Protein backbone atom coordinates (compact mmCIF):
# COMPACT_ATOMS: atom_id res chain seq x y z
CA MET A 1 141.86 79.14 141.12
CA ASN A 2 145.38 78.12 143.05
CA LYS A 3 144.54 78.98 146.74
CA LEU A 4 149.16 79.46 146.61
CA LEU A 5 148.14 81.72 144.20
CA PHE A 6 145.44 83.29 146.42
CA PHE A 7 147.45 83.22 149.84
CA TYR A 8 149.79 85.39 147.74
CA CYS A 9 147.02 88.12 146.49
CA CYS A 10 145.75 87.98 149.95
CA THR A 11 148.89 89.23 151.52
CA LEU A 12 148.46 92.53 149.72
CA SER A 13 147.30 95.34 151.63
CA ILE A 14 145.88 98.53 150.21
CA SER A 15 144.52 101.48 152.82
CA CYS A 16 140.88 101.85 152.06
CA ASN A 17 138.56 104.28 153.91
CA HIS A 18 135.30 104.23 151.85
CA SER A 19 132.12 103.58 152.38
CA TYR A 20 131.01 100.77 150.00
CA GLN A 21 127.58 100.50 151.39
CA LYS A 22 126.81 104.68 149.89
CA VAL A 23 127.11 103.13 146.35
CA GLY A 24 124.16 101.22 146.21
CA PHE A 25 125.46 97.15 146.59
CA GLN A 26 123.63 95.02 148.29
CA GLU A 27 122.95 91.91 149.67
CA GLY A 28 123.36 89.10 146.97
CA ASP A 29 125.54 91.51 144.84
CA LEU A 30 127.92 88.78 142.67
CA LEU A 31 131.24 90.34 142.40
CA PHE A 32 133.35 89.36 139.72
CA GLN A 33 137.27 90.06 140.17
CA ASN A 34 140.60 90.38 138.40
CA LEU A 35 143.17 89.34 140.40
CA ASN A 36 145.98 89.96 138.26
CA CYS A 37 147.97 87.28 139.85
CA GLY A 38 150.68 86.01 137.45
CA GLU A 39 151.11 82.67 134.78
CA LEU A 40 147.94 81.03 136.49
CA CYS A 41 145.12 83.78 136.36
CA ASN A 42 146.36 84.76 132.27
CA ALA A 43 145.57 80.71 131.92
CA ILE A 44 142.19 80.58 133.56
CA GLU A 45 141.42 84.38 131.80
CA ALA A 46 142.44 82.94 128.44
CA VAL A 47 139.90 79.84 128.60
CA THR A 48 136.97 81.67 129.87
CA GLU A 49 135.35 84.93 128.62
CA GLY A 50 134.00 87.11 130.65
CA ILE A 51 130.97 89.71 129.83
CA ASP A 52 131.96 92.62 127.64
CA GLY A 53 135.10 90.73 127.21
CA LYS A 54 136.48 91.47 130.39
CA ASP A 55 138.68 88.85 132.10
CA PHE A 56 137.89 87.53 135.90
CA SER A 57 139.47 84.83 137.82
CA HIS A 58 137.39 85.13 140.72
CA ILE A 59 134.01 85.75 142.23
CA ALA A 60 132.11 86.65 145.20
CA LEU A 61 128.77 86.86 147.14
CA VAL A 62 127.57 89.91 149.26
CA VAL A 63 126.26 89.70 152.19
CA ASN A 64 124.86 91.48 155.61
CA VAL A 65 126.41 90.78 158.66
CA ASN A 66 125.17 92.54 161.89
CA ASP A 67 124.20 95.45 159.34
CA THR A 68 127.74 95.44 157.86
CA LEU A 69 127.80 94.07 154.12
CA LYS A 70 130.43 91.70 153.22
CA VAL A 71 131.57 88.50 150.84
CA ILE A 72 131.29 85.06 151.25
CA GLU A 73 134.14 83.65 148.98
CA ALA A 74 135.92 80.82 148.30
CA ILE A 75 139.80 81.79 148.28
CA GLY A 76 142.56 80.91 150.01
CA ASN A 77 142.35 77.51 151.84
CA ASN A 78 138.52 77.37 152.37
CA VAL A 79 135.34 79.05 152.25
CA GLN A 80 135.10 82.17 154.43
CA ILE A 81 133.63 86.18 155.20
CA ASN A 82 135.93 88.79 154.42
CA SER A 83 135.67 92.51 154.70
CA LEU A 84 134.68 94.63 151.29
CA GLU A 85 137.73 96.39 152.12
CA THR A 86 140.10 93.49 151.91
CA PHE A 87 137.86 92.18 148.51
CA PHE A 88 138.75 95.25 146.57
CA SER A 89 141.78 96.03 148.02
CA ARG A 90 143.02 92.52 146.61
CA SER A 91 142.80 93.88 143.18
CA GLY A 92 144.10 96.82 143.23
CA ASP A 93 140.65 98.71 143.54
CA THR A 94 141.01 101.94 145.77
CA ALA A 95 139.13 104.72 144.71
CA LYS A 96 137.91 103.77 141.47
CA ILE A 97 136.23 100.21 140.64
CA GLU A 98 138.89 98.88 138.02
CA ASN A 99 138.96 95.28 138.48
CA VAL A 100 136.02 94.20 139.83
CA THR A 101 132.62 94.11 137.84
CA VAL A 102 128.93 94.14 139.74
CA GLY A 103 126.41 91.45 139.13
CA ARG A 104 122.83 91.34 140.61
CA LEU A 105 120.24 88.83 140.10
CA LYS A 106 117.06 90.08 137.80
CA LYS A 107 113.86 90.91 140.10
CA GLN A 108 112.42 87.82 138.52
CA TYR A 109 115.17 85.57 140.35
CA LYS A 110 115.48 87.87 143.84
CA ASN A 111 113.24 85.45 145.55
CA LEU A 112 116.57 83.03 145.58
CA ILE A 113 118.92 84.94 147.52
CA PRO A 114 117.82 84.36 150.91
CA LYS A 115 118.19 80.42 150.83
CA ALA A 116 121.63 80.79 148.75
CA ILE A 117 122.77 83.26 151.16
CA ALA A 118 121.35 80.99 154.11
CA GLU A 119 123.17 77.78 151.88
CA ALA A 120 126.49 79.72 151.56
CA LYS A 121 126.83 80.79 155.51
CA LYS A 122 126.44 76.65 156.32
CA ILE A 123 129.67 75.96 153.78
CA ILE A 124 131.62 78.65 155.79
CA GLY A 125 134.98 76.76 156.47
CA GLN A 126 134.39 74.17 154.08
CA PRO A 127 138.44 73.48 152.28
CA TYR A 128 139.05 75.13 149.15
CA ASP A 129 138.93 72.91 145.93
CA ASN A 130 142.34 73.38 144.43
CA ILE A 131 141.45 70.79 142.03
CA PHE A 132 138.11 71.95 140.39
CA LEU A 133 136.55 69.19 140.17
CA LEU A 134 132.43 69.18 141.36
CA ASN A 135 131.19 66.80 144.36
CA ASN A 136 133.95 66.23 146.19
CA GLY A 137 133.31 68.16 149.57
CA LYS A 138 135.22 71.03 148.59
CA MET A 139 134.53 74.22 146.71
CA TYR A 140 136.13 76.59 144.18
CA CYS A 141 134.98 80.62 144.48
CA SER A 142 132.50 80.29 141.13
CA GLU A 143 132.07 76.56 142.18
CA MET A 144 130.37 77.53 145.67
CA ILE A 145 128.21 80.11 143.44
CA TYR A 146 126.32 77.34 141.56
CA GLU A 147 125.82 74.94 144.29
CA ILE A 148 124.23 77.75 146.52
CA PHE A 149 121.97 78.97 143.67
CA LYS A 150 121.39 75.53 142.80
CA GLU A 151 120.54 74.65 146.04
CA SER A 152 118.36 77.75 146.44
CA ASN A 153 116.47 77.00 143.29
CA LYS A 154 114.68 73.96 144.68
CA THR A 155 117.73 71.70 143.49
CA LYS A 156 117.90 72.69 139.70
CA ASP A 157 120.71 74.24 138.20
CA PHE A 158 120.54 78.23 138.27
CA PHE A 159 123.54 79.05 136.55
CA VAL A 160 124.90 76.30 133.71
CA LEU A 161 127.91 74.36 133.67
CA GLU A 162 130.28 73.72 130.37
CA PRO A 163 133.25 71.18 130.32
CA MET A 164 136.51 72.75 131.50
CA THR A 165 139.51 73.58 129.09
CA PHE A 166 142.79 74.26 130.21
CA LYS A 167 143.99 74.70 126.54
CA ASP A 168 145.62 77.85 124.96
CA PRO A 169 142.55 78.43 122.51
CA LYS A 170 144.99 79.35 119.96
CA THR A 171 147.68 75.98 119.27
CA LYS A 172 144.79 73.50 121.49
CA VAL A 173 147.85 72.54 123.64
CA PHE A 174 147.41 72.34 127.66
CA PHE A 175 149.20 76.01 129.40
CA PRO A 176 152.61 75.29 130.85
CA ALA A 177 151.21 76.88 133.95
CA TRP A 178 148.76 74.13 134.23
CA VAL A 179 150.68 71.19 132.81
CA ASN A 180 152.61 71.85 136.07
CA TYR A 181 150.15 73.06 138.50
CA TYR A 182 149.10 69.64 138.17
CA LYS A 183 151.53 68.08 137.62
CA HIS A 184 152.91 69.34 141.57
CA LEU A 185 149.37 67.94 142.92
CA ASN A 186 150.10 64.48 141.21
CA LYS A 187 146.60 64.81 139.65
CA GLU A 188 145.23 64.50 136.52
CA ILE A 189 143.89 68.15 134.43
CA PRO A 190 140.31 67.36 134.32
CA GLU A 191 140.23 68.30 130.59
CA GLY A 192 136.58 68.28 129.31
CA LEU A 193 134.70 67.70 132.76
CA LEU A 194 132.12 69.54 133.49
CA GLY A 195 132.69 73.12 135.66
CA ILE A 196 132.05 77.02 135.85
CA ASN A 197 134.17 79.85 136.38
CA PRO A 198 133.51 83.58 136.97
CA GLY A 199 133.42 84.88 133.34
CA LEU A 200 130.32 82.32 132.23
CA ILE A 201 128.63 83.19 135.61
CA SER A 202 128.76 86.98 134.50
CA ARG A 203 127.26 86.07 131.00
CA SER A 204 124.47 84.42 132.16
CA ASN A 205 121.16 85.87 131.53
CA LYS A 206 119.93 85.89 134.65
CA ILE A 207 121.91 88.80 136.15
CA SER A 208 122.40 92.20 135.35
CA ILE A 209 125.95 94.20 135.75
CA LEU A 210 125.34 97.61 137.17
CA LYS A 211 127.54 100.31 136.58
CA ILE A 212 129.28 101.41 139.54
CA GLU A 213 132.50 103.42 138.64
CA ASN A 214 133.85 104.07 142.47
CA TYR A 215 132.93 103.75 146.12
CA LYS A 216 131.45 107.01 147.13
């Protein structure tokens, strides 16, 4: 996801006074988000499939910080901790959750959560990966989730990688948004290289999707 788009999305400010902990969020929950941030988000969602056909362009991890639930996410310029209010307001959710889906590791995998969270905290401040390449010292949102759970799973893949595509599934031609994006970065489009995305993680058989409709 383009860090410039994330910057613009993060400037949204929506007042929200709800207590998110009351709905049963737990440390280790995965939050899948539809940012609705324009052409690039649309291009991402067109080439990635989320659970139940939903569109996701971002993912974050719920963590407990001084008895307050927050999220760790790769967004903007780096990996960072943000409040749940900031996270939900970014996608336009106020009293009702409409653009965020909550996933939770199944019981047999919950032992991986403490180590994954510890790994996530270690990389806070690591630069955002706007090229979407693995193992380059930077992190994009779903890469962060992939890496921390791989580390917690004794360095074995927990979530799977798939070849990335930046082409319109209907025409098999690169989306203009991606062509312009990588041209601006003076980089080649990493078509076919292994990667991961929020939609792919949401379809994992290792997580359950929670039916949470509102914050209260």
